[in-house]
């Protein structure tokens, strides 16, 4: 399999991949290219960030690497970040220049990206996290949120802790849960529930926020 397909297979062990882009091993000039890997899951998975961070830090053997998670997730050599400067622009042009002038670096980076992809493929898939998508706000205060939420995946239950994707420093605990009877005439992906979440900063959770359960330790 190509590097693209190996990376896609490794990532899809954790969640459906909506978008993926991987630099080809060899460019049209026949030179080894600076590798990078960009992807986006079909839903946010912040619970995977720590795993990717540790893999990108520990798996490579030749150079240092950079991992960033925003709307898309990105893995690339740290050298590109340093040479791009504070603006973070021009990664592609810098990578092209390095491919043409420093094949020794490209070979080392190519070896490393294979180790990173292999390490991702070998990571144990975590349990499926429960997800609640806030569709209506009923009441909120600094430490309590009452809302109507749509369940996307997993099984939400009283006592579970959740983090909001938009405000990851806020952790709340689900203290009350009431599922509404299903309505066949609607086309929602999942049933709705009235949910009460309690915790410092609960009032910062807003409409259309995605809440992801925190694994029990």
C-alpha atoms as a PDB file:
ATOM      1  CA  UNK A   1       0.000   0.000   0.000  1.00  0.00           C
ATOM      2  CA  UNK A   2       1.074   3.586  -0.543  1.00  0.00           C
ATOM      3  CA  UNK A   3       1.884   5.793   2.424  1.00  0.00           C
ATOM      4  CA  UNK A   4      -1.460   7.549   1.890  1.00  0.00           C
ATOM      5  CA  UNK A   5      -3.424   4.307   2.214  1.00  0.00           C
ATOM      6  CA  UNK A   6      -1.360   3.083   5.165  1.00  0.00           C
ATOM      7  CA  UNK A   7      -1.999   6.362   7.002  1.00  0.00           C
ATOM      8  CA  UNK A   8      -5.707   6.267   6.158  1.00  0.00           C
ATOM      9  CA  UNK A   9      -6.031   2.695   7.413  1.00  0.00           C
ATOM     10  CA  UNK A  10      -4.197   3.580  10.666  1.00  0.00           C
ATOM     11  CA  UNK A  11      -6.405   6.620  11.355  1.00  0.00           C
ATOM     12  CA  UNK A  12      -9.667   4.854  10.509  1.00  0.00           C
ATOM     13  CA  UNK A  13      -9.069   2.454  13.401  1.00  0.00           C
ATOM     14  CA  UNK A  14     -10.127   5.323  15.652  1.00  0.00           C
ATOM     15  CA  UNK A  15     -12.880   7.150  13.746  1.00  0.00           C
ATOM     16  CA  UNK A  16     -14.233   7.749  10.227  1.00  0.00           C
ATOM     17  CA  UNK A  17     -11.905  10.023   8.250  1.00  0.00           C
ATOM     18  CA  UNK A  18     -13.668  12.826   6.373  1.00  0.00           C
ATOM     19  CA  UNK A  19     -10.517  14.235   4.753  1.00  0.00           C
ATOM     20  CA  UNK A  20      -6.890  13.173   4.485  1.00  0.00           C
ATOM     21  CA  UNK A  21      -3.863  14.489   2.620  1.00  0.00           C
ATOM     22  CA  UNK A  22      -0.427  12.895   2.619  1.00  0.00           C
ATOM     23  CA  UNK A  23       2.617  14.107   0.715  1.00  0.00           C
ATOM     24  CA  UNK A  24       3.742  11.612  -1.951  1.00  0.00           C
ATOM     25  CA  UNK A  25       6.975   9.810  -1.147  1.00  0.00           C
ATOM     26  CA  UNK A  26       8.584  10.811  -4.452  1.00  0.00           C
ATOM     27  CA  UNK A  27       7.913  14.084  -6.294  1.00  0.00           C
ATOM     28  CA  UNK A  28       7.573  14.579 -10.048  1.00  0.00           C
ATOM     29  CA  UNK A  29      11.295  15.414 -10.205  1.00  0.00           C
ATOM     30  CA  UNK A  30      12.181  12.012  -8.775  1.00  0.00           C
ATOM     31  CA  UNK A  31      13.363  13.480  -5.467  1.00  0.00           C
ATOM     32  CA  UNK A  32      12.200  12.331  -2.032  1.00  0.00           C
ATOM     33  CA  UNK A  33       9.798  14.930  -0.650  1.00  0.00           C
ATOM     34  CA  UNK A  34       9.404  16.374   2.838  1.00  0.00           C
ATOM     35  CA  UNK A  35       6.533  14.293   4.292  1.00  0.00           C
ATOM     36  CA  UNK A  36       3.465  15.654   6.046  1.00  0.00           C
ATOM     37  CA  UNK A  37       0.090  14.247   7.021  1.00  0.00           C
ATOM     38  CA  UNK A  38      -3.161  16.200   7.356  1.00  0.00           C
ATOM     39  CA  UNK A  39      -6.573  14.767   8.222  1.00  0.00           C
ATOM     40  CA  UNK A  40      -9.968  15.503   9.704  1.00  0.00           C
ATOM     41  CA  UNK A  41     -12.285  13.023  11.386  1.00  0.00           C
ATOM     42  CA  UNK A  42     -15.995  13.186  10.579  1.00  0.00           C
ATOM     43  CA  UNK A  43     -16.569  14.317  14.208  1.00  0.00           C
ATOM     44  CA  UNK A  44     -14.156  16.016  16.631  1.00  0.00           C
ATOM     45  CA  UNK A  45     -12.259  13.548  18.805  1.00  0.00           C
ATOM     46  CA  UNK A  46     -10.374  15.597  21.430  1.00  0.00           C
ATOM     47  CA  UNK A  47      -9.882  12.459  23.512  1.00  0.00           C
ATOM     48  CA  UNK A  48      -7.333  11.310  20.892  1.00  0.00           C
ATOM     49  CA  UNK A  49      -5.144  14.423  21.092  1.00  0.00           C
ATOM     50  CA  UNK A  50      -2.915  13.114  23.903  1.00  0.00           C
ATOM     51  CA  UNK A  51      -2.287   9.881  21.992  1.00  0.00           C
ATOM     52  CA  UNK A  52      -1.254  11.678  18.795  1.00  0.00           C
ATOM     53  CA  UNK A  53       0.919  14.097  20.768  1.00  0.00           C
ATOM     54  CA  UNK A  54       2.843  11.260  22.435  1.00  0.00           C
ATOM     55  CA  UNK A  55       3.224   9.277  19.190  1.00  0.00           C
ATOM     56  CA  UNK A  56       4.627  12.278  17.298  1.00  0.00           C
ATOM     57  CA  UNK A  57       7.013  12.959  20.178  1.00  0.00           C
ATOM     58  CA  UNK A  58       8.200   9.396  20.842  1.00  0.00           C
ATOM     59  CA  UNK A  59       8.034   7.410  17.588  1.00  0.00           C
ATOM     60  CA  UNK A  60      10.497   9.346  15.348  1.00  0.00           C
ATOM     61  CA  UNK A  61      14.209   8.532  15.557  1.00  0.00           C
ATOM     62  CA  UNK A  62      15.843  11.101  13.280  1.00  0.00           C
ATOM     63  CA  UNK A  63      14.296  14.581  13.545  1.00  0.00           C
ATOM     64  CA  UNK A  64      11.772  16.458  15.680  1.00  0.00           C
ATOM     65  CA  UNK A  65       8.130  16.657  14.599  1.00  0.00           C
ATOM     66  CA  UNK A  66       5.166  18.992  15.064  1.00  0.00           C
ATOM     67  CA  UNK A  67       1.551  17.999  15.764  1.00  0.00           C
ATOM     68  CA  UNK A  68      -1.331  20.469  15.725  1.00  0.00           C
ATOM     69  CA  UNK A  69      -5.055  19.898  16.149  1.00  0.00           C
ATOM     70  CA  UNK A  70      -7.487  22.553  14.956  1.00  0.00           C
ATOM     71  CA  UNK A  71     -10.280  22.001  12.456  1.00  0.00           C
ATOM     72  CA  UNK A  72      -7.808  19.650  10.779  1.00  0.00           C
ATOM     73  CA  UNK A  73      -5.030  17.663  12.428  1.00  0.00           C
ATOM     74  CA  UNK A  74      -1.508  18.103  11.056  1.00  0.00           C
ATOM     75  CA  UNK A  75       1.785  16.237  11.461  1.00  0.00           C
ATOM     76  CA  UNK A  76       4.928  17.630   9.844  1.00  0.00           C
ATOM     77  CA  UNK A  77       8.638  18.178  10.616  1.00  0.00           C
ATOM     78  CA  UNK A  78       9.262  20.938  13.166  1.00  0.00           C
ATOM     79  CA  UNK A  79      11.773  22.445  10.754  1.00  0.00           C
ATOM     80  CA  UNK A  80       8.908  23.669   8.560  1.00  0.00           C
ATOM     81  CA  UNK A  81       7.347  25.490  11.518  1.00  0.00           C
ATOM     82  CA  UNK A  82      10.629  27.126  12.514  1.00  0.00           C
ATOM     83  CA  UNK A  83      11.485  28.273   8.979  1.00  0.00           C
ATOM     84  CA  UNK A  84       7.941  29.537   8.322  1.00  0.00           C
ATOM     85  CA  UNK A  85       8.171  31.878  11.318  1.00  0.00           C
ATOM     86  CA  UNK A  86       5.387  33.339  13.484  1.00  0.00           C
ATOM     87  CA  UNK A  87       2.931  33.746  10.599  1.00  0.00           C
ATOM     88  CA  UNK A  88       2.941  30.052   9.884  1.00  0.00           C
ATOM     89  CA  UNK A  89       2.628  30.571   6.134  1.00  0.00           C
ATOM     90  CA  UNK A  90       4.536  29.139   3.207  1.00  0.00           C
ATOM     91  CA  UNK A  91       4.901  25.561   4.469  1.00  0.00           C
ATOM     92  CA  UNK A  92       4.522  24.190   0.941  1.00  0.00           C
ATOM     93  CA  UNK A  93       7.188  26.443  -0.587  1.00  0.00           C
ATOM     94  CA  UNK A  94       9.599  25.687   2.247  1.00  0.00           C
ATOM     95  CA  UNK A  95       9.006  21.949   1.844  1.00  0.00           C
ATOM     96  CA  UNK A  96       9.670  22.192  -1.906  1.00  0.00           C
ATOM     97  CA  UNK A  97      12.906  24.087  -1.277  1.00  0.00           C
ATOM     98  CA  UNK A  98      14.104  21.537   1.295  1.00  0.00           C
ATOM     99  CA  UNK A  99      13.254  18.675  -1.087  1.00  0.00           C
ATOM    100  CA  UNK A 100      15.473  20.268  -3.725  1.00  0.00           C
ATOM    101  CA  UNK A 101      18.395  21.216  -1.495  1.00  0.00           C
ATOM    102  CA  UNK A 102      18.513  18.758   1.433  1.00  0.00           C
ATOM    103  CA  UNK A 103      17.765  15.179   0.421  1.00  0.00           C
ATOM    104  CA  UNK A 104      19.526  13.890   3.533  1.00  0.00           C
ATOM    105  CA  UNK A 105      16.887  15.602   5.676  1.00  0.00           C
ATOM    106  CA  UNK A 106      14.091  14.300   3.423  1.00  0.00           C
ATOM    107  CA  UNK A 107      15.333  10.710   3.755  1.00  0.00           C
ATOM    108  CA  UNK A 108      15.490  11.024   7.545  1.00  0.00           C
ATOM    109  CA  UNK A 109      11.994  12.561   7.652  1.00  0.00           C
ATOM    110  CA  UNK A 110      10.626   9.886   5.312  1.00  0.00           C
ATOM    111  CA  UNK A 111      11.915   7.176   7.646  1.00  0.00           C
ATOM    112  CA  UNK A 112      10.341   8.950  10.620  1.00  0.00           C
ATOM    113  CA  UNK A 113       6.869   9.394   9.093  1.00  0.00           C
ATOM    114  CA  UNK A 114       6.766   5.650   8.479  1.00  0.00           C
ATOM    115  CA  UNK A 115       7.532   5.080  12.173  1.00  0.00           C
ATOM    116  CA  UNK A 116       4.800   7.560  13.139  1.00  0.00           C
ATOM    117  CA  UNK A 117       2.194   5.872  10.929  1.00  0.00           C
ATOM    118  CA  UNK A 118       3.221   2.458  12.262  1.00  0.00           C
ATOM    119  CA  UNK A 119       2.963   3.708  15.857  1.00  0.00           C
ATOM    120  CA  UNK A 120      -0.532   5.121  15.214  1.00  0.00           C
ATOM    121  CA  UNK A 121      -1.592   1.783  13.729  1.00  0.00           C
ATOM    122  CA  UNK A 122      -0.333  -0.028  16.831  1.00  0.00           C
ATOM    123  CA  UNK A 123      -2.107   2.172  19.384  1.00  0.00           C
ATOM    124  CA  UNK A 124      -5.035   0.496  21.169  1.00  0.00           C
ATOM    125  CA  UNK A 125      -8.306   2.016  20.032  1.00  0.00           C
ATOM    126  CA  UNK A 126      -9.933   3.763  23.036  1.00  0.00           C
ATOM    127  CA  UNK A 127     -13.508   3.008  24.068  1.00  0.00           C
ATOM    128  CA  UNK A 128     -16.089   4.940  22.086  1.00  0.00           C
ATOM    129  CA  UNK A 129     -16.726   8.254  23.798  1.00  0.00           C
ATOM    130  CA  UNK A 130     -20.275   9.443  24.396  1.00  0.00           C
ATOM    131  CA  UNK A 131     -21.169  12.613  22.512  1.00  0.00           C
ATOM    132  CA  UNK A 132     -23.892  15.151  23.236  1.00  0.00           C
ATOM    133  CA  UNK A 133     -24.607  17.971  20.788  1.00  0.00           C
ATOM    134  CA  UNK A 134     -26.355  20.970  22.373  1.00  0.00           C
ATOM    135  CA  UNK A 135     -29.426  21.911  20.308  1.00  0.00           C
ATOM    136  CA  UNK A 136     -31.270  24.173  22.786  1.00  0.00           C
ATOM    137  CA  UNK A 137     -30.280  26.102  25.904  1.00  0.00           C
ATOM    138  CA  UNK A 138     -32.876  26.051  28.658  1.00  0.00           C
ATOM    139  CA  UNK A 139     -30.982  27.607  31.568  1.00  0.00           C
ATOM    140  CA  UNK A 140     -27.359  28.353  32.362  1.00  0.00           C
ATOM    141  CA  UNK A 141     -25.326  29.835  35.167  1.00  0.00           C
ATOM    142  CA  UNK A 142     -21.656  29.905  36.074  1.00  0.00           C
ATOM    143  CA  UNK A 143     -21.759  26.336  37.360  1.00  0.00           C
ATOM    144  CA  UNK A 144     -24.880  24.750  35.846  1.00  0.00           C
ATOM    145  CA  UNK A 145     -26.236  24.191  32.349  1.00  0.00           C
ATOM    146  CA  UNK A 146     -29.676  22.822  31.519  1.00  0.00           C
ATOM    147  CA  UNK A 147     -30.070  22.069  27.828  1.00  0.00           C
ATOM    148  CA  UNK A 148     -31.637  19.884  25.196  1.00  0.00           C
ATOM    149  CA  UNK A 149     -28.981  17.719  23.593  1.00  0.00           C
ATOM    150  CA  UNK A 150     -28.813  15.283  20.714  1.00  0.00           C
ATOM    151  CA  UNK A 151     -26.937  12.065  21.344  1.00  0.00           C
ATOM    152  CA  UNK A 152     -24.524  11.368  18.492  1.00  0.00           C
ATOM    153  CA  UNK A 153     -22.567   8.293  19.578  1.00  0.00           C
ATOM    154  CA  UNK A 154     -21.993   6.260  22.687  1.00  0.00           C
ATOM    155  CA  UNK A 155     -24.217   5.997  25.729  1.00  0.00           C
ATOM    156  CA  UNK A 156     -24.660   9.019  27.999  1.00  0.00           C
ATOM    157  CA  UNK A 157     -25.578   8.321  31.612  1.00  0.00           C
ATOM    158  CA  UNK A 158     -25.825  10.167  34.907  1.00  0.00           C
ATOM    159  CA  UNK A 159     -22.450  10.582  36.604  1.00  0.00           C
ATOM    160  CA  UNK A 160     -20.360  10.834  33.434  1.00  0.00           C
ATOM    161  CA  UNK A 161     -17.931  13.718  33.016  1.00  0.00           C
ATOM    162  CA  UNK A 162     -17.870  15.659  29.733  1.00  0.00           C
ATOM    163  CA  UNK A 163     -15.632  18.276  28.124  1.00  0.00           C
ATOM    164  CA  UNK A 164     -16.866  20.825  25.622  1.00  0.00           C
ATOM    165  CA  UNK A 165     -14.893  20.792  22.375  1.00  0.00           C
ATOM    166  CA  UNK A 166     -15.139  24.587  22.038  1.00  0.00           C
ATOM    167  CA  UNK A 167     -14.038  25.217  25.633  1.00  0.00           C
ATOM    168  CA  UNK A 168     -11.773  22.234  26.455  1.00  0.00           C
ATOM    169  CA  UNK A 169     -10.767  23.642  29.855  1.00  0.00           C
ATOM    170  CA  UNK A 170     -14.379  23.250  31.076  1.00  0.00           C
ATOM    171  CA  UNK A 171     -15.255  19.857  32.540  1.00  0.00           C
ATOM    172  CA  UNK A 172     -18.814  19.209  33.693  1.00  0.00           C
ATOM    173  CA  UNK A 173     -20.639  16.256  35.204  1.00  0.00           C
ATOM    174  CA  UNK A 174     -23.995  15.029  33.956  1.00  0.00           C
ATOM    175  CA  UNK A 175     -26.356  15.090  36.950  1.00  0.00           C
ATOM    176  CA  UNK A 176     -29.786  14.648  35.336  1.00  0.00           C
ATOM    177  CA  UNK A 177     -30.884  13.037  32.104  1.00  0.00           C
ATOM    178  CA  UNK A 178     -34.354  12.608  30.607  1.00  0.00           C
ATOM    179  CA  UNK A 179     -34.768  11.135  27.141  1.00  0.00           C
ATOM    180  CA  UNK A 180     -37.685  12.331  25.071  1.00  0.00           C
ATOM    181  CA  UNK A 181     -39.798   9.633  23.387  1.00  0.00           C
ATOM    182  CA  UNK A 182     -38.703   9.103  19.777  1.00  0.00           C
ATOM    183  CA  UNK A 183     -40.708  10.878  17.093  1.00  0.00           C
ATOM    184  CA  UNK A 184     -40.715   8.936  13.820  1.00  0.00           C
ATOM    185  CA  UNK A 185     -41.683  12.010  11.797  1.00  0.00           C
ATOM    186  CA  UNK A 186     -38.363  13.713  12.573  1.00  0.00           C
ATOM    187  CA  UNK A 187     -35.139  12.927  10.750  1.00  0.00           C
ATOM    188  CA  UNK A 188     -32.688  13.512  13.564  1.00  0.00           C
ATOM    189  CA  UNK A 189     -29.683  11.224  13.704  1.00  0.00           C
ATOM    190  CA  UNK A 190     -30.322  10.436  17.336  1.00  0.00           C
ATOM    191  CA  UNK A 191     -32.902  11.001  20.103  1.00  0.00           C
ATOM    192  CA  UNK A 192     -33.112  14.202  22.112  1.00  0.00           C
ATOM    193  CA  UNK A 193     -32.669  14.483  25.869  1.00  0.00           C
ATOM    194  CA  UNK A 194     -33.002  17.132  28.558  1.00  0.00           C
ATOM    195  CA  UNK A 195     -29.634  17.262  30.285  1.00  0.00           C
ATOM    196  CA  UNK A 196     -28.300  19.012  33.394  1.00  0.00           C
ATOM    197  CA  UNK A 197     -24.533  19.517  33.546  1.00  0.00           C
ATOM    198  CA  UNK A 198     -22.782  20.864  36.633  1.00  0.00           C
ATOM    199  CA  UNK A 199     -19.234  22.168  36.961  1.00  0.00           C
ATOM    200  CA  UNK A 200     -17.112  25.309  37.127  1.00  0.00           C
ATOM    201  CA  UNK A 201     -17.560  27.167  33.841  1.00  0.00           C
ATOM    202  CA  UNK A 202     -20.710  25.341  32.733  1.00  0.00           C
ATOM    203  CA  UNK A 203     -22.214  28.666  31.704  1.00  0.00           C
ATOM    204  CA  UNK A 204     -19.537  29.046  29.021  1.00  0.00           C
ATOM    205  CA  UNK A 205     -20.955  26.097  27.087  1.00  0.00           C
ATOM    206  CA  UNK A 206     -23.074  27.454  24.267  1.00  0.00           C
ATOM    207  CA  UNK A 207     -25.555  26.457  21.627  1.00  0.00           C
ATOM    208  CA  UNK A 208     -24.310  23.945  19.020  1.00  0.00           C
ATOM    209  CA  UNK A 209     -21.497  22.874  21.330  1.00  0.00           C
ATOM    210  CA  UNK A 210     -20.265  19.291  21.159  1.00  0.00           C
ATOM    211  CA  UNK A 211     -19.655  17.610  24.511  1.00  0.00           C
ATOM    212  CA  UNK A 212     -17.371  14.552  24.628  1.00  0.00           C
ATOM    213  CA  UNK A 213     -17.227  12.202  27.594  1.00  0.00           C
ATOM    214  CA  UNK A 214     -14.027  11.993  29.622  1.00  0.00           C
ATOM    215  CA  UNK A 215     -12.647   8.457  30.098  1.00  0.00           C
ATOM    216  CA  UNK A 216     -12.827   7.096  33.638  1.00  0.00           C
ATOM    217  CA  UNK A 217      -9.435   6.837  35.301  1.00  0.00           C
END
